Protein backbone atom coordinates (compact mmCIF):
# COMPACT_ATOMS: atom_id res chain seq x y z
CA MET A 1 0.02 -0.04 0.02
CA THR A 2 1.31 3.46 -0.91
CA GLY A 3 -1.21 5.42 1.08
CA GLN A 4 -1.00 9.10 0.28
CA LEU A 5 2.69 9.15 -0.11
CA LEU A 6 3.57 11.51 -2.94
CA VAL A 7 6.72 11.76 -5.15
CA LYS A 8 7.83 14.90 -3.17
CA ASP A 9 7.78 12.87 0.02
CA ILE A 10 10.50 10.40 -1.10
CA MET A 11 12.43 12.20 -3.80
CA ALA A 12 16.11 12.90 -3.32
CA LYS A 13 18.19 15.98 -4.32
CA PRO A 14 19.05 15.68 -7.98
CA VAL A 15 22.70 14.79 -8.73
CA THR A 16 23.68 16.21 -12.13
CA VAL A 17 26.54 16.56 -14.51
CA SER A 18 27.02 18.84 -17.45
CA LYS A 19 26.97 17.29 -21.02
CA SER A 20 30.32 19.18 -21.53
CA GLN A 21 32.02 17.71 -18.50
CA SER A 22 34.52 14.80 -18.86
CA ILE A 23 33.51 11.20 -18.14
CA ASN A 24 36.26 11.32 -15.48
CA GLU A 25 34.31 13.95 -13.56
CA ALA A 26 31.05 11.95 -14.05
CA LEU A 27 32.61 8.73 -12.78
CA ASP A 28 34.19 10.44 -9.83
CA LYS A 29 30.83 11.89 -8.85
CA MET A 30 29.11 8.54 -9.12
CA LEU A 31 31.77 7.01 -6.93
CA ASN A 32 31.97 9.84 -4.34
CA GLU A 33 28.18 10.07 -3.93
CA ASN A 34 27.50 6.34 -4.48
CA ILE A 35 24.90 6.97 -7.22
CA ASP A 36 24.35 5.59 -10.67
CA PRO A 37 23.31 7.07 -13.09
CA LEU A 38 23.74 10.86 -13.08
CA ILE A 39 21.26 13.23 -14.64
CA VAL A 40 22.87 15.09 -17.53
CA LEU A 41 22.22 18.78 -18.13
CA ALA A 42 22.69 21.05 -21.14
CA SER A 43 21.83 24.75 -20.69
CA HIS A 44 20.12 23.76 -17.46
CA GLN A 45 17.81 21.34 -19.24
CA VAL A 46 17.68 17.53 -18.68
CA VAL A 47 18.99 15.79 -21.78
CA GLY A 48 19.44 12.27 -20.40
CA THR A 49 21.63 10.29 -18.04
CA VAL A 50 25.16 8.88 -17.94
CA SER A 51 25.88 5.58 -16.20
CA ARG A 52 28.86 3.51 -15.12
CA LYS A 53 27.80 1.07 -17.83
CA SER A 54 27.73 3.75 -20.59
CA ILE A 55 31.15 4.91 -19.50
CA ALA A 56 32.59 1.34 -19.36
CA ASP A 57 31.13 0.74 -22.88
CA LYS A 58 32.86 3.98 -24.18
CA LEU A 59 36.22 3.13 -22.61
CA GLY A 60 36.08 -0.49 -23.78
CA SER A 61 35.12 0.32 -27.35
CA LYS A 62 37.42 -1.12 -29.99
CA THR A 63 36.93 2.07 -31.92
CA LYS A 64 38.15 4.27 -29.11
CA ALA A 65 40.31 7.22 -30.02
CA PRO A 66 43.87 7.32 -28.53
CA ILE A 67 42.95 10.34 -26.34
CA SER A 68 42.97 10.98 -22.55
CA THR A 69 39.87 10.06 -20.62
CA ALA A 70 39.92 13.56 -19.26
CA LYS A 71 39.20 14.77 -22.81
CA ILE A 72 36.21 12.45 -23.36
CA HIS A 73 32.92 14.33 -22.79
CA VAL A 74 29.82 13.04 -21.02
CA ALA A 75 28.04 13.78 -24.36
CA SER A 76 29.77 10.80 -25.87
CA SER A 77 28.36 8.38 -23.30
CA LEU A 78 24.80 9.94 -23.08
CA GLU A 79 21.67 7.80 -22.44
CA GLU A 80 18.92 10.08 -23.78
CA ASN A 81 15.72 8.43 -22.36
CA ILE A 82 14.80 9.50 -18.83
CA PRO A 83 11.25 9.60 -17.53
CA SER A 84 9.82 12.46 -15.51
CA LEU A 85 7.20 12.82 -12.67
CA LEU A 86 5.54 15.74 -10.93
CA PRO A 87 6.07 16.13 -7.17
CA GLN A 88 2.31 15.86 -6.54
CA GLN A 89 1.84 12.52 -8.11
CA GLU A 90 1.47 9.42 -5.97
CA ILE A 91 4.61 7.20 -5.73
CA SER A 92 2.77 4.29 -7.26
CA VAL A 93 3.22 5.99 -10.53
CA ALA A 94 7.00 5.67 -10.09
CA VAL A 95 6.93 1.88 -9.77
CA PRO A 96 6.35 0.94 -13.51
CA LEU A 97 8.88 3.58 -14.50
CA LEU A 98 11.66 2.34 -12.34
CA LYS A 99 10.99 -1.27 -13.58
CA LYS A 100 12.38 0.05 -16.94
CA HIS A 101 14.79 2.79 -15.92
CA LYS A 102 17.28 3.20 -13.07
CA LEU A 103 16.20 6.82 -12.37
CA VAL A 104 13.22 9.00 -12.69
CA ALA A 105 13.58 12.88 -12.78
CA VAL A 106 11.16 15.03 -10.84
CA HIS A 107 10.20 18.45 -12.35
CA ASP A 108 7.93 21.16 -11.05
CA SER A 109 5.12 22.75 -13.07
CA ASP A 110 7.71 25.16 -14.75
CA GLN A 111 9.77 22.18 -15.92
CA ARG A 112 12.56 22.93 -13.45
CA LEU A 113 14.43 19.90 -12.17
CA ILE A 114 13.73 19.58 -8.41
CA GLY A 115 14.43 15.92 -7.55
CA GLN A 116 15.08 12.41 -8.49
CA ILE A 117 13.86 8.91 -7.52
CA GLY A 118 15.95 5.73 -7.82
CA TYR A 119 15.66 2.27 -6.51
CA GLY A 120 16.87 3.22 -3.04
CA GLU A 121 14.24 6.02 -2.51
CA LEU A 122 11.50 3.62 -3.59
CA LEU A 123 12.62 0.69 -1.41
CA LYS A 124 12.70 2.87 1.72
CA VAL A 125 8.93 3.08 1.61
CA LEU A 126 7.76 0.11 -0.57
CA LEU A 127 8.77 -3.63 -0.08
CA PRO A 128 7.80 -6.60 -2.12
CA LYS A 129 5.90 -9.38 -0.51
CA GLY A 130 6.86 -13.04 -0.33
CA SER A 131 10.02 -14.88 0.21
CA ILE A 132 13.57 -14.53 -1.03
CA ASP A 133 12.69 -16.92 -3.87
CA THR A 134 10.15 -14.37 -5.27
CA VAL A 135 12.81 -11.59 -5.61
CA MET A 136 15.77 -13.63 -6.50
CA GLU A 137 17.17 -13.75 -10.13
CA PRO A 138 19.77 -16.06 -11.63
CA ALA A 139 23.38 -15.36 -10.69
CA HIS A 140 25.86 -15.21 -13.50
CA THR A 141 29.35 -16.50 -12.49
CA ILE A 142 32.87 -15.98 -13.87
CA ASP A 143 36.12 -17.57 -12.93
CA ALA A 144 38.49 -15.33 -10.96
CA ASN A 145 41.33 -16.16 -13.56
CA GLU A 146 39.08 -15.27 -16.60
CA ARG A 147 40.44 -12.47 -18.69
CA LEU A 148 38.94 -9.02 -18.46
CA SER A 149 38.33 -8.82 -22.15
CA HIS A 150 36.05 -11.95 -21.85
CA LEU A 151 34.22 -10.28 -18.91
CA GLN A 152 33.64 -7.17 -20.93
CA ALA A 153 32.40 -9.05 -23.96
CA GLN A 154 29.92 -11.06 -21.81
CA MET A 155 28.52 -7.98 -20.15
CA GLU A 156 28.04 -6.20 -23.42
CA GLU A 157 26.72 -9.10 -25.47
CA HIS A 158 24.31 -10.38 -22.77
CA ASN A 159 23.47 -7.13 -20.94
CA ILE A 160 24.75 -8.47 -17.66
CA SER A 161 25.65 -5.86 -15.01
CA ARG A 162 27.47 -8.08 -12.48
CA PHE A 163 29.08 -11.50 -12.13
CA VAL A 164 29.72 -13.52 -8.89
CA VAL A 165 33.36 -14.42 -9.15
CA THR A 166 34.32 -18.05 -8.32
CA ASP A 167 37.66 -19.62 -7.50
CA GLY A 168 37.24 -23.39 -7.79
CA GLU A 169 34.16 -24.31 -5.71
CA LYS A 170 34.35 -21.15 -3.56
CA ILE A 171 32.96 -17.63 -4.10
CA SER A 172 35.77 -15.12 -4.01
CA GLY A 173 34.12 -11.84 -4.93
CA ILE A 174 31.86 -9.94 -7.30
CA VAL A 175 32.62 -7.78 -10.31
CA THR A 176 30.26 -5.17 -11.61
CA GLU A 177 30.05 -2.38 -14.23
CA THR A 178 31.60 -0.12 -11.72
CA ASP A 179 34.61 -2.26 -11.33
CA LEU A 180 34.94 -2.43 -15.08
CA ALA A 181 34.55 1.30 -15.59
CA VAL A 182 37.17 2.18 -12.97
CA SER A 183 39.72 -0.41 -14.21
CA LEU A 184 39.26 0.66 -17.76
CA ARG A 185 39.84 4.35 -16.85
CA LYS A 186 43.05 3.49 -14.91
CA PHE A 187 44.19 1.21 -17.71
CA ARG A 188 43.58 3.89 -20.45
CA GLU A 189 45.49 6.54 -18.47
CA LYS A 190 48.48 4.42 -17.55
CA ILE A 191 49.14 2.46 -20.75
CA GLU A 192 50.20 4.02 -23.98
CA ASP A 193 47.65 3.45 -26.77
CA ARG A 194 50.00 1.28 -28.93
CA HIS A 195 50.39 -1.19 -26.08
CA GLN A 196 46.77 -1.18 -24.87
CA ASP A 197 45.41 -4.17 -26.89
CA PHE A 198 48.32 -6.43 -25.64
CA ARG A 199 48.21 -5.30 -22.13
CA PHE A 200 44.38 -5.34 -21.78
CA HIS A 201 44.43 -9.00 -22.98
CA ASN A 202 46.44 -10.04 -19.92
CA ILE A 203 44.29 -8.38 -17.16
CA ILE A 204 42.37 -10.96 -15.18
CA VAL A 205 39.11 -10.64 -13.26
CA ARG A 206 40.81 -11.33 -9.87
CA THR A 207 42.64 -8.10 -10.09
CA ILE A 208 39.62 -5.83 -10.29
CA MET A 209 36.83 -7.73 -8.39
CA THR A 210 35.36 -6.47 -5.08
CA SER A 211 36.23 -8.89 -2.22
CA PRO A 212 35.13 -10.00 0.27
CA ILE A 213 31.36 -9.65 -0.33
CA HIS A 214 28.16 -9.85 1.67
CA THR A 215 25.93 -12.81 1.02
CA ILE A 216 22.54 -13.86 2.49
CA ASP A 217 20.88 -17.08 3.43
CA ARG A 218 17.81 -18.24 1.50
CA SER A 219 15.96 -18.04 4.75
CA ALA A 220 16.44 -14.33 5.13
CA LYS A 221 13.46 -11.93 5.29
CA ILE A 222 12.97 -9.31 2.56
CA PRO A 223 12.74 -6.41 5.01
CA ASP A 224 16.08 -7.48 6.63
CA VAL A 225 17.68 -7.82 3.09
CA VAL A 226 16.50 -4.28 2.10
CA SER A 227 17.71 -2.83 5.35
CA LEU A 228 21.13 -4.36 4.88
CA MET A 229 21.35 -3.16 1.26
CA LEU A 230 20.41 0.40 2.10
CA LYS A 231 22.50 0.60 5.31
CA LYS A 232 25.64 -0.76 3.48
CA ASN A 233 24.96 0.91 0.22
CA ILE A 234 24.91 -2.57 -1.49
CA SER A 235 23.37 -2.89 -4.89
CA SER A 236 23.29 -6.79 -4.92
CA LEU A 237 23.49 -9.71 -2.61
CA PRO A 238 24.26 -13.40 -3.64
CA VAL A 239 21.89 -15.87 -2.16
CA MET A 240 23.35 -19.02 -0.54
CA ASP A 241 22.20 -22.36 0.63
CA LYS A 242 25.15 -23.11 2.99
CA THR A 243 28.00 -23.17 0.40
CA HIS A 244 25.84 -23.45 -2.70
CA LEU A 245 25.02 -20.34 -4.75
CA LEU A 246 21.36 -20.20 -5.50
CA GLY A 247 20.90 -16.74 -7.21
CA ILE A 248 21.20 -13.07 -6.53
CA ILE A 249 19.05 -10.23 -5.18
CA THR A 250 19.54 -6.77 -6.66
CA ARG A 251 17.75 -3.50 -6.02
CA GLN A 252 16.31 -3.86 -9.45
CA SER A 253 15.02 -7.34 -8.80
CA LEU A 254 13.33 -6.03 -5.61
CA VAL A 255 11.72 -3.20 -7.57
CA ASN A 256 10.61 -5.61 -10.30
CA ALA A 257 8.79 -7.67 -7.68
CA LEU A 258 6.61 -4.80 -6.50
């Protein structure tokens, strides 16, 4: 039940970046404020979003130009489609929009940007019903010694945003679009362009994954899972049955279950 909660009751302050700023500045802001994506402005008007995925795609492109990441503008990684709501609308209207988009902009009656709603804002006030099984999705895995080029290709080809990293029978970490974007930026800045293809081929997943990671048991309750994710700023949690990986819960899978 949403009651009479309105968009203005749950919206957060908009976090923006200019279309003319560099993708370095955009990525740094995402990491510093733990938010993804950012709303992109041009002449104070919303023109779309930029995400860690769109930056990773840009930096990992085989057609990339041999220029510094500091000179690559947000405009080159722009995702143009972003829905908008009015502050007086009920939050139930935001649910179907967030099932298709990571972020919704909030404009006043004069079309001024005054807020935004992401998965976190919605999950603070709305929880899906049922058990862990009803909000769990399949977990994609990748070996810790797999090459980064393979990881990037899998993410792009199958539209996968995260992989649980395995080392033999054990889970050793998780690797996400964020890890890929950050590692590609460091790589592009440190390695001369003529050596990039060769050096990139030798990077392995183990060197960029996040470890250790939080996991949850299949018996966990959804309110406890959401509370942990919001408190720790976690976007996903692998679901375990003792030592067996059953699946993964993400903020998006929770919103999709509403």
